[in-house]
């Protein structure tokens, strides 16, 4: 069951507003945390091997995809939670305020 359009639109708008108001956190940013995890796994698993490279990508991309699907499934039947979850995800990945500042 997909989110109703108005819930999705409201979540996207709130996420954009949060990005404009708050920008990116200096500490504990979710995207930076993902990058840190990727580097730690690479350091632990690195080998000049295509199979290990594929495993690295499958674990990271599959883990992110699985977490997103589980979160979506948990909140989809609650419009307010769905809107807040969409807003949080939008804020986490947008970075428009920080990018505008750097530009």
N, C-alpha and C. Protein backbone atom coordinates (compact mmCIF):
# COMPACT_ATOMS: atom_id res chain seq x y z
N UNK A 1 0.84 -1.18 0.00
CA UNK A 1 0.00 0.00 0.00
C UNK A 1 0.89 1.24 0.00
N UNK A 2 0.77 2.07 -1.00
CA UNK A 2 1.57 3.28 -1.10
C UNK A 2 1.00 4.36 -0.18
N UNK A 3 1.88 5.28 0.19
CA UNK A 3 1.43 6.41 1.00
C UNK A 3 0.50 7.30 0.18
N UNK A 4 -0.54 7.84 0.82
CA UNK A 4 -1.39 8.80 0.10
C UNK A 4 -0.55 10.01 -0.34
N UNK A 5 -0.90 10.56 -1.49
CA UNK A 5 -0.14 11.67 -2.05
C UNK A 5 0.01 12.85 -1.12
N UNK A 6 -1.04 13.18 -0.38
CA UNK A 6 -0.98 14.34 0.50
C UNK A 6 -0.02 14.10 1.67
N UNK A 7 0.05 12.85 2.17
CA UNK A 7 0.97 12.52 3.25
C UNK A 7 2.41 12.61 2.75
N UNK A 8 2.65 12.06 1.57
CA UNK A 8 3.98 12.11 0.98
C UNK A 8 4.39 13.56 0.70
N UNK A 9 3.50 14.34 0.11
CA UNK A 9 3.81 15.74 -0.21
C UNK A 9 4.09 16.53 1.06
N UNK A 10 3.28 16.32 2.09
CA UNK A 10 3.51 17.04 3.35
C UNK A 10 4.84 16.64 3.97
N UNK A 11 5.18 15.36 3.94
CA UNK A 11 6.46 14.90 4.47
C UNK A 11 7.64 15.49 3.71
N UNK A 12 7.54 15.53 2.39
CA UNK A 12 8.61 16.12 1.58
C UNK A 12 8.76 17.60 1.88
N UNK A 13 7.64 18.30 1.99
CA UNK A 13 7.69 19.74 2.30
C UNK A 13 8.28 19.98 3.68
N UNK A 14 7.88 19.18 4.67
CA UNK A 14 8.44 19.34 6.01
C UNK A 14 9.93 19.02 6.05
N UNK A 15 10.35 18.00 5.29
CA UNK A 15 11.77 17.67 5.22
C UNK A 15 12.57 18.79 4.60
N UNK A 16 12.04 19.41 3.55
CA UNK A 16 12.72 20.53 2.91
C UNK A 16 12.80 21.71 3.89
N UNK A 17 11.69 21.99 4.59
CA UNK A 17 11.70 23.08 5.58
C UNK A 17 12.71 22.81 6.69
N UNK A 18 12.78 21.57 7.15
CA UNK A 18 13.76 21.21 8.19
C UNK A 18 15.18 21.42 7.67
N UNK A 19 15.43 21.06 6.42
CA UNK A 19 16.76 21.28 5.84
C UNK A 19 17.08 22.76 5.79
N UNK A 20 16.11 23.58 5.38
CA UNK A 20 16.34 25.02 5.29
C UNK A 20 16.54 25.63 6.67
N UNK A 21 15.80 25.17 7.65
CA UNK A 21 15.89 25.74 9.00
C UNK A 21 17.09 25.22 9.78
N UNK A 22 17.37 23.93 9.66
CA UNK A 22 18.39 23.31 10.49
C UNK A 22 19.71 23.05 9.78
N UNK A 23 19.65 22.83 8.48
CA UNK A 23 20.86 22.42 7.76
C UNK A 23 21.30 21.04 8.20
N UNK A 24 22.54 20.73 7.93
CA UNK A 24 23.09 19.44 8.33
C UNK A 24 23.68 19.53 9.73
N UNK A 25 23.49 18.48 10.54
CA UNK A 25 24.11 18.50 11.87
C UNK A 25 25.62 18.39 11.76
N UNK A 26 26.32 19.01 12.65
CA UNK A 26 27.80 18.93 12.65
C UNK A 26 28.27 17.55 13.12
N UNK A 27 27.48 16.91 13.97
CA UNK A 27 27.84 15.59 14.48
C UNK A 27 26.67 14.64 14.27
N UNK A 28 26.97 13.40 14.05
CA UNK A 28 25.98 12.32 13.94
C UNK A 28 25.03 12.48 12.75
N UNK A 29 25.55 12.93 11.63
CA UNK A 29 24.73 13.00 10.42
C UNK A 29 24.54 11.59 9.89
N UNK A 30 23.32 11.20 9.51
CA UNK A 30 23.09 9.83 9.07
C UNK A 30 23.88 9.43 7.83
N UNK A 31 24.06 10.33 6.89
CA UNK A 31 24.82 10.00 5.68
C UNK A 31 26.30 9.85 6.02
N UNK A 32 26.81 10.72 6.88
CA UNK A 32 28.21 10.60 7.31
C UNK A 32 28.41 9.30 8.09
N UNK A 33 27.41 8.92 8.89
CA UNK A 33 27.49 7.66 9.62
C UNK A 33 27.54 6.46 8.69
N UNK A 34 26.77 6.51 7.61
CA UNK A 34 26.81 5.44 6.62
C UNK A 34 28.19 5.37 5.97
N UNK A 35 28.76 6.52 5.65
CA UNK A 35 30.10 6.55 5.07
C UNK A 35 31.14 5.99 6.02
N UNK A 36 31.02 6.32 7.30
CA UNK A 36 31.95 5.80 8.30
C UNK A 36 31.84 4.28 8.40
N UNK A 37 30.61 3.78 8.39
CA UNK A 37 30.40 2.33 8.41
C UNK A 37 31.01 1.67 7.18
N UNK A 38 30.81 2.27 6.01
CA UNK A 38 31.36 1.72 4.77
C UNK A 38 32.89 1.65 4.84
N UNK A 39 33.52 2.70 5.37
CA UNK A 39 34.98 2.70 5.49
C UNK A 39 35.47 1.63 6.47
N UNK A 40 34.76 1.47 7.58
CA UNK A 40 35.17 0.46 8.57
C UNK A 40 35.02 -0.95 8.00
N UNK A 41 33.92 -1.19 7.27
CA UNK A 41 33.75 -2.50 6.66
C UNK A 41 34.80 -2.75 5.58
N UNK A 42 35.11 -1.72 4.81
CA UNK A 42 36.13 -1.87 3.78
C UNK A 42 37.49 -2.20 4.42
N UNK A 43 37.81 -1.51 5.51
CA UNK A 43 39.08 -1.78 6.18
C UNK A 43 39.14 -3.22 6.71
N UNK A 44 38.00 -3.72 7.18
CA UNK A 44 37.98 -5.07 7.74
C UNK A 44 37.97 -6.15 6.66
N UNK A 45 37.31 -5.86 5.53
CA UNK A 45 37.10 -6.89 4.52
C UNK A 45 37.96 -6.75 3.29
N UNK A 46 38.74 -5.68 3.16
CA UNK A 46 39.39 -5.39 1.89
C UNK A 46 40.28 -6.53 1.42
N UNK A 47 40.17 -6.79 0.13
CA UNK A 47 41.00 -7.74 -0.57
C UNK A 47 40.85 -7.43 -2.05
N UNK A 48 41.84 -7.70 -2.82
CA UNK A 48 41.75 -7.45 -4.27
C UNK A 48 40.92 -8.57 -4.89
N UNK A 49 39.61 -8.50 -4.63
CA UNK A 49 38.71 -9.56 -5.05
C UNK A 49 37.37 -8.97 -5.46
N UNK A 50 36.91 -9.34 -6.64
CA UNK A 50 35.59 -8.87 -7.08
C UNK A 50 34.50 -9.41 -6.17
N UNK A 51 34.63 -10.64 -5.73
CA UNK A 51 33.61 -11.24 -4.87
C UNK A 51 33.46 -10.46 -3.57
N UNK A 52 34.57 -10.06 -2.97
CA UNK A 52 34.50 -9.28 -1.74
C UNK A 52 33.93 -7.88 -2.01
N UNK A 53 34.26 -7.31 -3.15
CA UNK A 53 33.69 -6.00 -3.50
C UNK A 53 32.19 -6.09 -3.68
N UNK A 54 31.73 -7.14 -4.33
CA UNK A 54 30.29 -7.34 -4.50
C UNK A 54 29.63 -7.56 -3.14
N UNK A 55 30.26 -8.35 -2.29
CA UNK A 55 29.70 -8.60 -0.96
C UNK A 55 29.61 -7.29 -0.17
N UNK A 56 30.62 -6.45 -0.28
CA UNK A 56 30.64 -5.15 0.40
C UNK A 56 29.44 -4.30 -0.04
N UNK A 57 29.22 -4.23 -1.34
CA UNK A 57 28.11 -3.44 -1.87
C UNK A 57 26.76 -4.04 -1.49
N UNK A 58 26.66 -5.37 -1.55
CA UNK A 58 25.39 -6.02 -1.21
C UNK A 58 25.04 -5.77 0.26
N UNK A 59 26.02 -5.86 1.13
CA UNK A 59 25.77 -5.63 2.56
C UNK A 59 25.35 -4.18 2.79
N UNK A 60 26.08 -3.23 2.20
CA UNK A 60 25.77 -1.81 2.45
C UNK A 60 24.47 -1.38 1.79
N UNK A 61 24.32 -1.65 0.51
CA UNK A 61 23.10 -1.23 -0.20
C UNK A 61 21.91 -2.06 0.28
N UNK A 62 22.10 -3.34 0.44
CA UNK A 62 21.02 -4.19 0.94
C UNK A 62 20.60 -3.81 2.35
N UNK A 63 21.56 -3.49 3.19
CA UNK A 63 21.23 -3.06 4.55
C UNK A 63 20.44 -1.77 4.57
N UNK A 64 20.87 -0.79 3.76
CA UNK A 64 20.14 0.48 3.69
C UNK A 64 18.74 0.27 3.12
N UNK A 65 18.64 -0.52 2.08
CA UNK A 65 17.35 -0.80 1.47
C UNK A 65 16.44 -1.54 2.45
N UNK A 66 16.98 -2.54 3.11
CA UNK A 66 16.19 -3.29 4.09
C UNK A 66 15.72 -2.42 5.24
N UNK A 67 16.58 -1.56 5.75
CA UNK A 67 16.18 -0.66 6.84
C UNK A 67 15.07 0.29 6.38
N UNK A 68 15.21 0.81 5.17
CA UNK A 68 14.18 1.69 4.64
C UNK A 68 12.85 0.99 4.46
N UNK A 69 12.89 -0.22 3.93
CA UNK A 69 11.65 -0.98 3.74
C UNK A 69 10.98 -1.34 5.06
N UNK A 70 11.78 -1.72 6.05
CA UNK A 70 11.22 -2.03 7.37
C UNK A 70 10.61 -0.79 8.01
N UNK A 71 11.29 0.35 7.89
CA UNK A 71 10.75 1.59 8.45
C UNK A 71 9.44 1.97 7.74
N UNK A 72 9.43 1.87 6.43
CA UNK A 72 8.23 2.21 5.67
C UNK A 72 7.08 1.28 6.05
N UNK A 73 7.35 0.03 6.20
CA UNK A 73 6.31 -0.94 6.57
C UNK A 73 5.77 -0.64 7.97
N UNK A 74 6.64 -0.23 8.87
CA UNK A 74 6.21 0.04 10.24
C UNK A 74 5.34 1.28 10.36
N UNK A 75 5.53 2.26 9.48
CA UNK A 75 4.80 3.52 9.63
C UNK A 75 3.72 3.76 8.58
N UNK A 76 3.62 2.92 7.58
CA UNK A 76 2.71 3.21 6.45
C UNK A 76 1.25 3.31 6.83
N UNK A 77 0.82 2.63 7.87
CA UNK A 77 -0.60 2.68 8.22
C UNK A 77 -0.91 3.82 9.18
N UNK A 78 0.08 4.60 9.56
CA UNK A 78 -0.11 5.74 10.46
C UNK A 78 0.27 7.01 9.71
N UNK A 79 -0.70 7.77 9.21
CA UNK A 79 -0.38 8.93 8.37
C UNK A 79 0.58 9.94 9.02
N UNK A 80 0.43 10.19 10.31
CA UNK A 80 1.32 11.16 10.95
C UNK A 80 2.75 10.60 11.03
N UNK A 81 2.87 9.34 11.41
CA UNK A 81 4.21 8.73 11.44
C UNK A 81 4.82 8.66 10.04
N UNK A 82 4.00 8.37 9.05
CA UNK A 82 4.48 8.32 7.67
C UNK A 82 4.97 9.69 7.23
N UNK A 83 4.26 10.73 7.59
CA UNK A 83 4.66 12.08 7.22
C UNK A 83 5.96 12.46 7.93
N UNK A 84 6.06 12.15 9.21
CA UNK A 84 7.28 12.46 9.97
C UNK A 84 8.46 11.64 9.45
N UNK A 85 8.22 10.37 9.15
CA UNK A 85 9.30 9.53 8.60
C UNK A 85 9.78 10.03 7.25
N UNK A 86 8.85 10.43 6.39
CA UNK A 86 9.23 11.00 5.09
C UNK A 86 10.00 12.29 5.28
N UNK A 87 9.56 13.12 6.22
CA UNK A 87 10.26 14.38 6.49
C UNK A 87 11.67 14.12 6.99
N UNK A 88 11.82 13.16 7.90
CA UNK A 88 13.15 12.85 8.44
C UNK A 88 14.08 12.31 7.35
N UNK A 89 13.57 11.42 6.52
CA UNK A 89 14.39 10.88 5.44
C UNK A 89 14.77 11.96 4.44
N UNK A 90 13.83 12.84 4.12
CA UNK A 90 14.10 13.93 3.19
C UNK A 90 15.17 14.86 3.75
N UNK A 91 15.01 15.23 5.02
CA UNK A 91 16.01 16.10 5.66
C UNK A 91 17.39 15.44 5.65
N UNK A 92 17.44 14.14 5.94
CA UNK A 92 18.72 13.44 6.05
C UNK A 92 19.48 13.40 4.74
N UNK A 93 18.77 13.30 3.62
CA UNK A 93 19.46 13.13 2.35
C UNK A 93 19.54 14.39 1.50
N UNK A 94 18.81 15.43 1.87
CA UNK A 94 18.72 16.60 1.01
C UNK A 94 19.99 17.44 1.00
N UNK A 95 20.34 18.03 2.11
CA UNK A 95 21.58 18.81 2.21
C UNK A 95 21.60 20.10 1.42
N UNK A 96 20.45 20.62 1.04
CA UNK A 96 20.40 21.83 0.20
C UNK A 96 20.98 23.05 0.86
N UNK A 97 20.70 23.25 2.13
CA UNK A 97 21.22 24.44 2.83
C UNK A 97 22.75 24.39 2.88
N UNK A 98 23.30 23.24 3.21
CA UNK A 98 24.76 23.11 3.29
C UNK A 98 25.40 23.28 1.90
N UNK A 99 24.76 22.71 0.88
CA UNK A 99 25.30 22.84 -0.46
C UNK A 99 25.24 24.29 -0.93
N UNK A 100 24.16 25.00 -0.63
CA UNK A 100 24.04 26.41 -1.00
C UNK A 100 25.09 27.24 -0.28
N UNK A 101 25.35 26.94 0.98
CA UNK A 101 26.37 27.66 1.74
C UNK A 101 27.76 27.45 1.13
N UNK A 102 28.05 26.22 0.75
CA UNK A 102 29.36 25.93 0.15
C UNK A 102 29.52 26.55 -1.23
N UNK A 103 28.43 26.65 -1.97
CA UNK A 103 28.49 27.21 -3.32
C UNK A 103 28.73 28.70 -3.23
